[in-house]
C-alpha atoms as a PDB file:
ATOM      1  CA  MET A   1     -11.869 -12.021  -2.890  1.00  0.00           C
ATOM      2  CA  ARG A   2     -14.000 -10.828  -0.016  1.00  0.00           C
ATOM      3  CA  SER A   3     -12.278  -7.753   1.432  1.00  0.00           C
ATOM      4  CA  VAL A   4     -10.222  -4.701   0.414  1.00  0.00           C
ATOM      5  CA  LEU A   5      -8.420  -2.150   2.552  1.00  0.00           C
ATOM      6  CA  ASP A   6      -7.445   1.111   0.810  1.00  0.00           C
ATOM      7  CA  ILE A   7      -4.702   2.932   2.765  1.00  0.00           C
ATOM      8  CA  GLY A   8      -4.257   6.651   2.106  1.00  0.00           C
ATOM      9  CA  ALA A   9      -7.394   6.537   0.007  1.00  0.00           C
ATOM     10  CA  GLY A  10      -7.328  10.249  -0.892  1.00  0.00           C
ATOM     11  CA  VAL A  11     -10.147  10.990  -3.330  1.00  0.00           C
ATOM     12  CA  GLY A  12     -11.172   7.319  -3.232  1.00  0.00           C
ATOM     13  CA  TYR A  13     -10.483   6.055  -6.749  1.00  0.00           C
ATOM     14  CA  TRP A  14      -9.601   2.514  -5.648  1.00  0.00           C
ATOM     15  CA  SER A  15     -12.270   2.089  -2.974  1.00  0.00           C
ATOM     16  CA  ASP A  16     -14.982   3.720  -5.126  1.00  0.00           C
ATOM     17  CA  TRP A  17     -14.167   1.385  -8.019  1.00  0.00           C
ATOM     18  CA  TYR A  18     -14.414  -1.712  -5.808  1.00  0.00           C
ATOM     19  CA  ARG A  19     -17.637  -0.515  -4.206  1.00  0.00           C
ATOM     20  CA  LYS A  20     -19.206   0.167  -7.633  1.00  0.00           C
ATOM     21  CA  ASN A  21     -17.979  -2.934  -9.489  1.00  0.00           C
ATOM     22  CA  HIS A  22     -17.811  -5.550  -6.730  1.00  0.00           C
ATOM     23  CA  LYS A  23     -20.711  -4.857  -4.409  1.00  0.00           C
ATOM     24  CA  LYS A  24     -20.235  -8.059  -2.371  1.00  0.00           C
ATOM     25  CA  ILE A  25     -16.659  -7.159  -1.417  1.00  0.00           C
ATOM     26  CA  LYS A  26     -16.276  -5.438   1.954  1.00  0.00           C
ATOM     27  CA  VAL A  27     -14.253  -2.273   1.333  1.00  0.00           C
ATOM     28  CA  ILE A  28     -12.669  -0.140   4.048  1.00  0.00           C
ATOM     29  CA  SER A  29     -10.915   3.093   3.075  1.00  0.00           C
ATOM     30  CA  VAL A  30      -8.695   5.058   5.439  1.00  0.00           C
ATOM     31  CA  ASP A  31      -6.694   8.268   5.268  1.00  0.00           C
ATOM     32  CA  ILE A  32      -4.646  10.402   7.623  1.00  0.00           C
ATOM     33  CA  SER A  33      -6.226  13.603   6.330  1.00  0.00           C
ATOM     34  CA  GLU A  34      -9.277  14.772   8.287  1.00  0.00           C
ATOM     35  CA  HIS A  35     -10.341  16.734   5.205  1.00  0.00           C
ATOM     36  CA  ALA A  36     -10.205  13.616   2.938  1.00  0.00           C
ATOM     37  CA  CYS A  37     -12.054  11.551   5.526  1.00  0.00           C
ATOM     38  CA  HIS A  38     -14.814  14.114   5.872  1.00  0.00           C
ATOM     39  CA  LYS A  39     -15.155  14.813   2.139  1.00  0.00           C
ATOM     40  CA  TYR A  40     -14.800  11.222   0.820  1.00  0.00           C
ATOM     41  CA  GLY A  41     -16.093   9.138   3.732  1.00  0.00           C
ATOM     42  CA  HIS A  42     -12.888   7.388   4.821  1.00  0.00           C
ATOM     43  CA  GLU A  43     -11.994   6.342   8.355  1.00  0.00           C
ATOM     44  CA  LEU A  44      -9.338   8.525   9.979  1.00  0.00           C
ATOM     45  CA  ARG A  45      -6.271   6.277  10.436  1.00  0.00           C
ATOM     46  CA  ASP A  46      -2.463   6.600  10.407  1.00  0.00           C
ATOM     47  CA  ILE A  47      -0.968   3.339   9.071  1.00  0.00           C
ATOM     48  CA  SER A  48       2.311   4.020  10.871  1.00  0.00           C
ATOM     49  CA  VAL A  49       0.558   3.489  14.237  1.00  0.00           C
ATOM     50  CA  TRP A  50      -2.663   1.671  13.329  1.00  0.00           C
ATOM     51  CA  ALA A  51      -3.140  -1.926  12.295  1.00  0.00           C
ATOM     52  CA  PRO A  52      -6.637  -3.299  11.743  1.00  0.00           C
ATOM     53  CA  THR A  53      -7.865  -6.084  13.969  1.00  0.00           C
ATOM     54  CA  ARG A  54      -8.683  -8.213  10.914  1.00  0.00           C
ATOM     55  CA  LYS A  55      -6.857  -9.133   7.717  1.00  0.00           C
ATOM     56  CA  PHE A  56      -7.943  -8.154   4.200  1.00  0.00           C
ATOM     57  CA  ASP A  57      -7.601 -10.192   1.020  1.00  0.00           C
ATOM     58  CA  LEU A  58      -6.220  -7.115  -0.801  1.00  0.00           C
ATOM     59  CA  VAL A  59      -4.510  -4.131   0.761  1.00  0.00           C
ATOM     60  CA  ILE A  60      -3.834  -1.111  -1.450  1.00  0.00           C
ATOM     61  CA  CYS A  61      -1.144   1.367  -0.438  1.00  0.00           C
ATOM     62  CA  GLN A  62      -0.449   3.796  -3.282  1.00  0.00           C
ATOM     63  CA  SER A  63       1.810   6.831  -2.838  1.00  0.00           C
ATOM     64  CA  VAL A  64       1.603   6.953   0.947  1.00  0.00           C
ATOM     65  CA  LEU A  65       4.872   5.921   2.584  1.00  0.00           C
ATOM     66  CA  GLN A  66       7.015   8.586   0.952  1.00  0.00           C
ATOM     67  CA  TYR A  67       5.426  11.057   3.379  1.00  0.00           C
ATOM     68  CA  LEU A  68       6.700   9.152   6.435  1.00  0.00           C
ATOM     69  CA  ASP A  69      10.176   9.212   7.938  1.00  0.00           C
ATOM     70  CA  ASP A  70      12.163   5.949   7.987  1.00  0.00           C
ATOM     71  CA  ARG A  71      10.934   4.810  11.400  1.00  0.00           C
ATOM     72  CA  ALA A  72       7.292   5.525  10.631  1.00  0.00           C
ATOM     73  CA  ALA A  73       7.567   3.964   7.139  1.00  0.00           C
ATOM     74  CA  SER A  74       9.087   0.795   8.599  1.00  0.00           C
ATOM     75  CA  SER A  75       6.301   0.665  11.180  1.00  0.00           C
ATOM     76  CA  ALA A  76       3.707   1.232   8.436  1.00  0.00           C
ATOM     77  CA  ILE A  77       5.097  -1.722   6.439  1.00  0.00           C
ATOM     78  CA  LYS A  78       4.797  -3.912   9.517  1.00  0.00           C
ATOM     79  CA  ASN A  79       1.179  -2.765   9.932  1.00  0.00           C
ATOM     80  CA  LEU A  80       0.521  -3.401   6.221  1.00  0.00           C
ATOM     81  CA  ALA A  81       1.723  -6.967   6.804  1.00  0.00           C
ATOM     82  CA  ARG A  82      -0.629  -7.298   9.766  1.00  0.00           C
ATOM     83  CA  ALA A  83      -3.485  -6.132   7.526  1.00  0.00           C
ATOM     84  CA  THR A  84      -2.696  -8.298   4.502  1.00  0.00           C
ATOM     85  CA  LYS A  85      -4.183 -11.772   4.264  1.00  0.00           C
ATOM     86  CA  HIS A  86      -3.061 -12.412   0.685  1.00  0.00           C
ATOM     87  CA  VAL A  87      -2.002  -9.503  -1.588  1.00  0.00           C
ATOM     88  CA  LEU A  88      -0.596  -6.027  -1.082  1.00  0.00           C
ATOM     89  CA  PHE A  89      -0.533  -3.555  -3.951  1.00  0.00           C
ATOM     90  CA  PHE A  90       2.290  -1.198  -3.033  1.00  0.00           C
ATOM     91  CA  GLU A  91       3.412   1.834  -5.025  1.00  0.00           C
ATOM     92  CA  VAL A  92       5.811   4.549  -3.956  1.00  0.00           C
ATOM     93  CA  PRO A  93       8.297   6.714  -5.878  1.00  0.00           C
ATOM     94  CA  THR A  94      11.931   5.861  -5.156  1.00  0.00           C
ATOM     95  CA  LYS A  95      15.032   8.044  -5.495  1.00  0.00           C
ATOM     96  CA  SER A  96      15.571   6.575  -8.946  1.00  0.00           C
ATOM     97  CA  ASP A  97      11.972   7.324  -9.939  1.00  0.00           C
ATOM     98  CA  LEU A  98      12.346  10.913  -8.805  1.00  0.00           C
ATOM     99  CA  GLN A  99      15.493  11.278 -10.939  1.00  0.00           C
ATOM    100  CA  ASN A 100      14.351   9.364 -14.019  1.00  0.00           C
ATOM    101  CA  ASN A 101      10.632   8.598 -14.219  1.00  0.00           C
ATOM    102  CA  VAL A 102       8.314  11.229 -12.760  1.00  0.00           C
ATOM    103  CA  ASP A 103       6.952  14.378 -14.343  1.00  0.00           C
ATOM    104  CA  ARG A 104       8.799  17.046 -12.416  1.00  0.00           C
ATOM    105  CA  ASP A 105       6.080  19.627 -13.082  1.00  0.00           C
ATOM    106  CA  VAL A 106       3.330  17.689 -11.280  1.00  0.00           C
ATOM    107  CA  THR A 107       5.204  15.553  -8.736  1.00  0.00           C
ATOM    108  CA  ASP A 108       5.441  16.414  -5.060  1.00  0.00           C
ATOM    109  CA  PHE A 109       9.122  16.515  -4.078  1.00  0.00           C
ATOM    110  CA  GLU A 110       8.449  17.367  -0.416  1.00  0.00           C
ATOM    111  CA  ILE A 111       8.861  13.732   0.555  1.00  0.00           C
ATOM    112  CA  TYR A 112      11.282  11.206   2.021  1.00  0.00           C
ATOM    113  CA  ALA A 113      13.147   9.837  -0.989  1.00  0.00           C
ATOM    114  CA  ARG A 114      14.403   6.294  -0.386  1.00  0.00           C
ATOM    115  CA  THR A 115      16.014   3.700  -2.598  1.00  0.00           C
ATOM    116  CA  GLY A 116      14.088   0.785  -4.000  1.00  0.00           C
ATOM    117  CA  SER A 117      16.448  -1.445  -2.006  1.00  0.00           C
ATOM    118  CA  TRP A 118      15.302   0.179   1.238  1.00  0.00           C
ATOM    119  CA  TYR A 119      11.657  -0.608   0.456  1.00  0.00           C
ATOM    120  CA  ARG A 120      12.439  -4.136  -0.796  1.00  0.00           C
ATOM    121  CA  ASN A 121      14.433  -4.936   2.347  1.00  0.00           C
ATOM    122  CA  GLU A 122      11.567  -3.818   4.576  1.00  0.00           C
ATOM    123  CA  LEU A 123       8.860  -5.520   2.504  1.00  0.00           C
ATOM    124  CA  LYS A 124      10.671  -8.838   2.124  1.00  0.00           C
ATOM    125  CA  LYS A 125      10.456  -9.371   5.889  1.00  0.00           C
ATOM    126  CA  TYR A 126       6.709 -10.026   5.443  1.00  0.00           C
ATOM    127  CA  PHE A 127       6.049 -10.463   1.711  1.00  0.00           C
ATOM    128  CA  ARG A 128       7.209 -12.155  -1.482  1.00  0.00           C
ATOM    129  CA  GLN A 129       7.443  -9.850  -4.474  1.00  0.00           C
ATOM    130  CA  ALA A 130       5.222 -10.897  -7.359  1.00  0.00           C
ATOM    131  CA  GLY A 131       6.003  -7.932  -9.624  1.00  0.00           C
ATOM    132  CA  ALA A 132       3.939  -5.025 -10.983  1.00  0.00           C
ATOM    133  CA  GLY A 133       3.580  -3.607  -7.453  1.00  0.00           C
ATOM    134  CA  LEU A 134       2.073  -6.814  -6.065  1.00  0.00           C
ATOM    135  CA  TRP A 135       3.441  -8.433  -2.914  1.00  0.00           C
ATOM    136  CA  ILE A 136       2.176 -11.728  -1.538  1.00  0.00           C
ATOM    137  CA  ALA A 137       1.982 -12.112   2.239  1.00  0.00           C
ATOM    138  CA  LYS A 138       4.375 -14.803   3.423  1.00  0.00           C
ATOM    139  CA  THR A 139       1.509 -16.192   5.493  1.00  0.00           C
ATOM    140  CA  SER A 140      -0.770 -16.467   2.441  1.00  0.00           C
ATOM    141  CA  THR A 141      -1.665 -19.765   0.825  1.00  0.00           C
ATOM    142  CA  ILE A 142      -1.148 -18.234  -2.623  1.00  0.00           C
ATOM    143  CA  VAL A 143       1.457 -20.149  -4.626  1.00  0.00           C
ATOM    144  CA  LEU A 144       3.516 -18.406  -7.290  1.00  0.00           C
ATOM    145  CA  TYR A 145       5.097 -20.319 -10.132  1.00  0.00           C
ATOM    146  CA  GLU A 146       8.774 -19.555 -10.659  1.00  0.00           C
ATOM    147  CA  LEU A 147       8.222 -17.011 -13.445  1.00  0.00           C
ATOM    148  CA  GLU A 148       5.357 -15.237 -11.669  1.00  0.00           C
ATOM    149  CA  GLY A 149       7.518 -13.933  -8.844  1.00  0.00           C
ATOM    150  CA  ALA A 150      10.199 -11.268  -9.122  1.00  0.00           C
ATOM    151  CA  SER A 151      13.719 -12.625  -9.198  1.00  0.00           C
ATOM    152  CA  SER A 152      15.869 -12.090  -6.129  1.00  0.00           C
END
């Protein structure tokens, strides 16, 4: 792996870890918050309207798209595909997660709650689901054995 793009980097856990532990990997971190960019050194970018001019081996998008309306989230997924050379790590709480899995005392509920099916339908236009939050770009040369991919 040569490059990582951290979308909605926030306090920078992902990008900081890669910079510390894999010094030869080119890491770009972006966030929509001017405060986060100033404090943590990210580039100011909105993934719903911005797509990088190059592709990254790994794109990380954790807990970002729930803050976007349907149109912007769909556009963001298209831009994630444009950014992803091989693997996307994608995590977002779904309606089911909000009802059954999250800690209600510490979870932000001021979001756009969508079904897992909504996200899968948007993502499968550009990616193959590998499981555990990993999505393989359809344009990637990565081959998954039958049991490595999520069942359809």
